[in-house]
Amino acid sequence: MKAFFLIVSKIPANAMALYPFILLKNKHQKNDPILVNHERIHLRQQVELLILPFYLLYLLNYLINLIRYRNHSRAYFNIAFEKEAYACDQKPNYLKTRKFFAWVNYL
């Protein structure tokens, strides 16, 4: 899957996947294979959920976690999509072997 990089220095995160773009704070991040793989995992998640439902489920999962943990950081790191991406972003070939809807295993 081809990703298009955009440099957006004012994004609220280090990087972000907004299909079909990967937003980065600076151009040097394109050379970070773990960061890029992490965001490509999110792009795959977005495609398999037909884009918009991904964002709705992501937000819903975050809000439920925020109620559960009462802490932004814990809520974010316990989003199923993030759990999959963080668990697999150091595996360069992960997307070649990833099963469809693999994020469900992280609920």
N, C-alpha and C. Protein backbone atom coordinates (compact mmCIF):
# COMPACT_ATOMS: atom_id res chain seq x y z
N MET A 1 0.84 -1.17 0.00
CA MET A 1 0.00 0.00 0.00
C MET A 1 0.89 1.24 0.00
N LYS A 2 0.68 2.09 -0.93
CA LYS A 2 1.46 3.32 -1.06
C LYS A 2 0.95 4.33 -0.05
N ALA A 3 1.85 4.91 0.70
CA ALA A 3 1.50 5.96 1.65
C ALA A 3 2.06 7.27 1.13
N PHE A 4 1.31 8.31 1.30
CA PHE A 4 1.75 9.64 0.92
C PHE A 4 2.09 10.40 2.19
N PHE A 5 3.29 10.94 2.25
CA PHE A 5 3.74 11.66 3.43
C PHE A 5 3.44 13.14 3.30
N LEU A 6 2.94 13.71 4.38
CA LEU A 6 2.74 15.15 4.47
C LEU A 6 3.44 15.63 5.74
N ILE A 7 4.17 16.71 5.63
CA ILE A 7 4.82 17.30 6.80
C ILE A 7 3.89 18.37 7.36
N VAL A 8 3.44 18.15 8.60
CA VAL A 8 2.52 19.07 9.27
C VAL A 8 3.08 19.29 10.67
N SER A 9 3.86 20.32 10.83
CA SER A 9 4.58 20.52 12.09
C SER A 9 3.67 20.74 13.30
N LYS A 10 2.43 21.12 13.08
CA LYS A 10 1.55 21.45 14.21
C LYS A 10 0.55 20.35 14.55
N ILE A 11 0.76 19.13 14.06
CA ILE A 11 -0.16 18.06 14.45
C ILE A 11 0.00 17.77 15.94
N PRO A 12 -1.08 17.35 16.60
CA PRO A 12 -1.02 17.15 18.06
C PRO A 12 -0.30 15.88 18.49
N ALA A 13 0.14 15.07 17.54
CA ALA A 13 0.86 13.83 17.86
C ALA A 13 2.18 13.83 17.12
N ASN A 14 3.02 12.86 17.40
CA ASN A 14 4.30 12.74 16.72
C ASN A 14 4.09 12.45 15.24
N ALA A 15 3.08 11.62 14.95
CA ALA A 15 2.71 11.28 13.57
C ALA A 15 1.25 10.83 13.60
N MET A 16 0.63 10.79 12.43
CA MET A 16 -0.78 10.42 12.34
C MET A 16 -1.06 9.81 10.99
N ALA A 17 -1.92 8.83 10.97
CA ALA A 17 -2.36 8.24 9.71
C ALA A 17 -3.79 8.71 9.44
N LEU A 18 -3.96 9.44 8.37
CA LEU A 18 -5.27 9.87 7.91
C LEU A 18 -5.35 9.46 6.45
N TYR A 19 -6.00 8.34 6.20
CA TYR A 19 -5.98 7.72 4.88
C TYR A 19 -6.22 8.74 3.78
N PRO A 20 -5.36 8.74 2.77
CA PRO A 20 -4.22 7.90 2.44
C PRO A 20 -2.87 8.52 2.84
N PHE A 21 -2.90 9.41 3.81
CA PHE A 21 -1.70 10.16 4.18
C PHE A 21 -1.13 9.71 5.52
N ILE A 22 0.18 9.85 5.63
CA ILE A 22 0.85 9.76 6.91
C ILE A 22 1.37 11.16 7.19
N LEU A 23 0.85 11.77 8.25
CA LEU A 23 1.27 13.11 8.64
C LEU A 23 2.43 13.00 9.61
N LEU A 24 3.47 13.77 9.34
CA LEU A 24 4.67 13.76 10.17
C LEU A 24 4.99 15.17 10.63
N LYS A 25 5.62 15.29 11.79
CA LYS A 25 6.03 16.60 12.29
C LYS A 25 7.21 17.17 11.50
N ASN A 26 8.10 16.28 11.03
CA ASN A 26 9.24 16.74 10.25
C ASN A 26 9.63 15.70 9.22
N LYS A 27 10.35 16.12 8.20
CA LYS A 27 10.69 15.25 7.07
C LYS A 27 11.63 14.11 7.45
N HIS A 28 12.38 14.26 8.51
CA HIS A 28 13.32 13.22 8.93
C HIS A 28 12.61 11.97 9.45
N GLN A 29 11.38 12.12 9.87
CA GLN A 29 10.62 10.98 10.39
C GLN A 29 10.33 9.94 9.30
N LYS A 30 10.41 10.33 8.04
CA LYS A 30 10.21 9.38 6.94
C LYS A 30 11.25 8.27 6.98
N ASN A 31 12.37 8.53 7.63
CA ASN A 31 13.47 7.57 7.72
C ASN A 31 13.39 6.70 8.97
N ASP A 32 12.34 6.84 9.75
CA ASP A 32 12.16 6.05 10.97
C ASP A 32 11.28 4.84 10.63
N PRO A 33 11.88 3.67 10.42
CA PRO A 33 11.10 2.52 9.95
C PRO A 33 10.02 2.06 10.93
N ILE A 34 10.26 2.21 12.22
CA ILE A 34 9.26 1.80 13.21
C ILE A 34 8.06 2.74 13.18
N LEU A 35 8.32 4.03 13.16
CA LEU A 35 7.24 5.01 13.10
C LEU A 35 6.42 4.84 11.82
N VAL A 36 7.09 4.70 10.70
CA VAL A 36 6.39 4.55 9.42
C VAL A 36 5.59 3.25 9.41
N ASN A 37 6.14 2.16 9.91
CA ASN A 37 5.41 0.90 9.97
C ASN A 37 4.19 1.02 10.87
N HIS A 38 4.33 1.69 12.00
CA HIS A 38 3.23 1.91 12.92
C HIS A 38 2.08 2.61 12.20
N GLU A 39 2.40 3.66 11.48
CA GLU A 39 1.37 4.42 10.77
C GLU A 39 0.79 3.63 9.60
N ARG A 40 1.59 2.81 8.95
CA ARG A 40 1.07 1.97 7.86
C ARG A 40 0.11 0.91 8.39
N ILE A 41 0.36 0.44 9.60
CA ILE A 41 -0.58 -0.50 10.23
C ILE A 41 -1.93 0.20 10.39
N HIS A 42 -1.90 1.45 10.83
CA HIS A 42 -3.15 2.21 10.97
C HIS A 42 -3.83 2.41 9.61
N LEU A 43 -3.05 2.65 8.57
CA LEU A 43 -3.66 2.80 7.24
C LEU A 43 -4.38 1.51 6.84
N ARG A 44 -3.78 0.37 7.12
CA ARG A 44 -4.41 -0.92 6.79
C ARG A 44 -5.69 -1.09 7.59
N GLN A 45 -5.66 -0.73 8.87
CA GLN A 45 -6.86 -0.81 9.71
C GLN A 45 -7.97 0.07 9.13
N GLN A 46 -7.59 1.25 8.68
CA GLN A 46 -8.57 2.18 8.13
C GLN A 46 -9.20 1.63 6.87
N VAL A 47 -8.39 1.05 5.99
CA VAL A 47 -8.90 0.49 4.74
C VAL A 47 -9.86 -0.66 5.01
N GLU A 48 -9.49 -1.56 5.90
CA GLU A 48 -10.35 -2.72 6.12
C GLU A 48 -11.67 -2.35 6.78
N LEU A 49 -11.72 -1.20 7.44
CA LEU A 49 -12.98 -0.74 8.04
C LEU A 49 -13.66 0.32 7.17
N LEU A 50 -13.19 0.48 5.94
CA LEU A 50 -13.77 1.43 4.99
C LEU A 50 -13.69 2.88 5.49
N ILE A 51 -12.60 3.22 6.09
CA ILE A 51 -12.17 4.55 6.54
C ILE A 51 -13.03 5.12 7.68
N LEU A 52 -14.20 5.63 7.39
CA LEU A 52 -14.99 6.33 8.40
C LEU A 52 -15.31 5.47 9.63
N PRO A 53 -15.75 4.23 9.48
CA PRO A 53 -16.00 3.43 10.69
C PRO A 53 -14.75 3.26 11.57
N PHE A 54 -13.56 3.27 10.96
CA PHE A 54 -12.34 3.21 11.76
C PHE A 54 -12.29 4.37 12.75
N TYR A 55 -12.52 5.59 12.23
CA TYR A 55 -12.44 6.77 13.10
C TYR A 55 -13.50 6.74 14.18
N LEU A 56 -14.69 6.26 13.85
CA LEU A 56 -15.76 6.17 14.85
C LEU A 56 -15.42 5.15 15.93
N LEU A 57 -14.93 3.98 15.51
CA LEU A 57 -14.54 2.95 16.48
C LEU A 57 -13.35 3.38 17.31
N TYR A 58 -12.40 4.07 16.70
CA TYR A 58 -11.22 4.57 17.40
C TYR A 58 -11.66 5.53 18.51
N LEU A 59 -12.53 6.49 18.16
CA LEU A 59 -13.01 7.46 19.13
C LEU A 59 -13.82 6.78 20.23
N LEU A 60 -14.71 5.87 19.85
CA LEU A 60 -15.52 5.15 20.84
C LEU A 60 -14.64 4.35 21.80
N ASN A 61 -13.65 3.65 21.25
CA ASN A 61 -12.73 2.87 22.09
C ASN A 61 -11.97 3.79 23.05
N TYR A 62 -11.53 4.95 22.55
CA TYR A 62 -10.83 5.92 23.39
C TYR A 62 -11.74 6.43 24.52
N LEU A 63 -12.97 6.80 24.18
CA LEU A 63 -13.88 7.35 25.19
C LEU A 63 -14.23 6.31 26.26
N ILE A 64 -14.44 5.08 25.85
CA ILE A 64 -14.69 4.01 26.83
C ILE A 64 -13.47 3.83 27.74
N ASN A 65 -12.29 3.85 27.13
CA ASN A 65 -11.06 3.72 27.92
C ASN A 65 -10.87 4.91 28.86
N LEU A 66 -11.24 6.09 28.40
CA LEU A 66 -11.09 7.28 29.24
C LEU A 66 -11.99 7.17 30.47
N ILE A 67 -13.18 6.67 30.30
CA ILE A 67 -14.08 6.45 31.44
C ILE A 67 -13.49 5.37 32.35
N ARG A 68 -13.00 4.31 31.74
CA ARG A 68 -12.44 3.18 32.50
C ARG A 68 -11.19 3.58 33.29
N TYR A 69 -10.25 4.26 32.64
CA TYR A 69 -8.95 4.54 33.25
C TYR A 69 -8.82 5.94 33.84
N ARG A 70 -9.69 6.86 33.43
CA ARG A 70 -9.65 8.25 33.90
C ARG A 70 -8.27 8.88 33.70
N ASN A 71 -7.66 8.52 32.58
CA ASN A 71 -6.31 9.01 32.29
C ASN A 71 -6.12 8.96 30.76
N HIS A 72 -5.77 10.09 30.16
CA HIS A 72 -5.63 10.17 28.71
C HIS A 72 -4.61 9.17 28.18
N SER A 73 -3.44 9.12 28.78
CA SER A 73 -2.37 8.26 28.28
C SER A 73 -2.78 6.78 28.33
N ARG A 74 -3.33 6.35 29.44
CA ARG A 74 -3.77 4.94 29.56
C ARG A 74 -4.91 4.65 28.59
N ALA A 75 -5.80 5.62 28.42
CA ALA A 75 -6.92 5.43 27.49
C ALA A 75 -6.39 5.27 26.07
N TYR A 76 -5.45 6.12 25.68
CA TYR A 76 -4.87 6.06 24.34
C TYR A 76 -4.13 4.74 24.09
N PHE A 77 -3.26 4.36 25.00
CA PHE A 77 -2.45 3.15 24.81
C PHE A 77 -3.28 1.86 24.89
N ASN A 78 -4.52 1.96 25.36
CA ASN A 78 -5.38 0.78 25.42
C ASN A 78 -6.43 0.74 24.30
N ILE A 79 -6.34 1.65 23.35
CA ILE A 79 -7.18 1.57 22.15
C ILE A 79 -6.71 0.34 21.38
N ALA A 80 -7.63 -0.51 20.97
CA ALA A 80 -7.27 -1.76 20.29
C ALA A 80 -6.39 -1.51 19.06
N PHE A 81 -6.68 -0.48 18.29
CA PHE A 81 -5.89 -0.18 17.10
C PHE A 81 -4.45 0.19 17.46
N GLU A 82 -4.29 0.94 18.54
CA GLU A 82 -2.95 1.32 18.99
C GLU A 82 -2.22 0.12 19.56
N LYS A 83 -2.92 -0.73 20.27
CA LYS A 83 -2.28 -1.92 20.84
C LYS A 83 -1.69 -2.80 19.74
N GLU A 84 -2.45 -2.99 18.67
CA GLU A 84 -1.92 -3.77 17.55
C GLU A 84 -0.72 -3.08 16.92
N ALA A 85 -0.85 -1.78 16.66
CA ALA A 85 0.24 -1.05 16.00
C ALA A 85 1.51 -1.04 16.84
N TYR A 86 1.38 -0.80 18.13
CA TYR A 86 2.58 -0.80 18.99
C TYR A 86 3.16 -2.21 19.14
N ALA A 87 2.32 -3.21 19.19
CA ALA A 87 2.81 -4.59 19.35
C ALA A 87 3.56 -5.07 18.11
N CYS A 88 3.26 -4.49 16.96
CA CYS A 88 3.79 -5.03 15.70
C CYS A 88 4.63 -4.05 14.89
N ASP A 89 4.80 -2.83 15.37
CA ASP A 89 5.51 -1.83 14.55
C ASP A 89 7.00 -2.12 14.39
N GLN A 90 7.56 -3.00 15.20
CA GLN A 90 8.97 -3.34 15.06
C GLN A 90 9.17 -4.59 14.20
N LYS A 91 8.10 -5.07 13.60
CA LYS A 91 8.16 -6.23 12.70
C LYS A 91 8.03 -5.71 11.27
N PRO A 92 9.14 -5.58 10.55
CA PRO A 92 9.09 -4.96 9.22
C PRO A 92 8.20 -5.68 8.21
N ASN A 93 7.99 -6.97 8.36
CA ASN A 93 7.17 -7.72 7.41
C ASN A 93 5.75 -8.00 7.92
N TYR A 94 5.38 -7.35 9.00
CA TYR A 94 4.09 -7.62 9.62
C TYR A 94 2.92 -7.47 8.66
N LEU A 95 2.91 -6.42 7.88
CA LEU A 95 1.77 -6.19 7.00
C LEU A 95 1.66 -7.23 5.88
N LYS A 96 2.75 -7.91 5.60
CA LYS A 96 2.71 -8.97 4.58
C LYS A 96 2.01 -10.23 5.10
N THR A 97 2.03 -10.42 6.42
CA THR A 97 1.45 -11.64 7.00
C THR A 97 0.23 -11.36 7.88
N ARG A 98 -0.08 -10.10 8.07
CA ARG A 98 -1.18 -9.71 8.95
C ARG A 98 -2.51 -10.27 8.47
N LYS A 99 -3.25 -10.83 9.39
CA LYS A 99 -4.58 -11.34 9.07
C LYS A 99 -5.59 -10.19 9.08
N PHE A 100 -6.61 -10.35 8.27
CA PHE A 100 -7.69 -9.37 8.17
C PHE A 100 -8.33 -9.17 9.55
N PHE A 101 -8.57 -7.94 9.92
CA PHE A 101 -9.17 -7.57 11.20
C PHE A 101 -8.36 -8.05 12.40
N ALA A 102 -7.05 -8.06 12.28
CA ALA A 102 -6.18 -8.51 13.37
C ALA A 102 -6.34 -7.66 14.63
N TRP A 103 -6.75 -6.41 14.49
CA TRP A 103 -6.91 -5.52 15.63
C TRP A 103 -7.95 -6.05 16.64
N VAL A 104 -8.88 -6.89 16.17
CA VAL A 104 -9.92 -7.43 17.06
C VAL A 104 -9.28 -8.25 18.19
N ASN A 105 -8.14 -8.85 17.93
CA ASN A 105 -7.45 -9.63 18.95
C ASN A 105 -6.93 -8.78 20.10
N TYR A 106 -6.96 -7.46 19.95
CA TYR A 106 -6.44 -6.56 20.97
C TYR A 106 -7.56 -5.87 21.77
N LEU A 107 -8.79 -6.29 21.56
CA LEU A 107 -9.92 -5.71 22.31
C LEU A 107 -9.90 -6.21 23.74
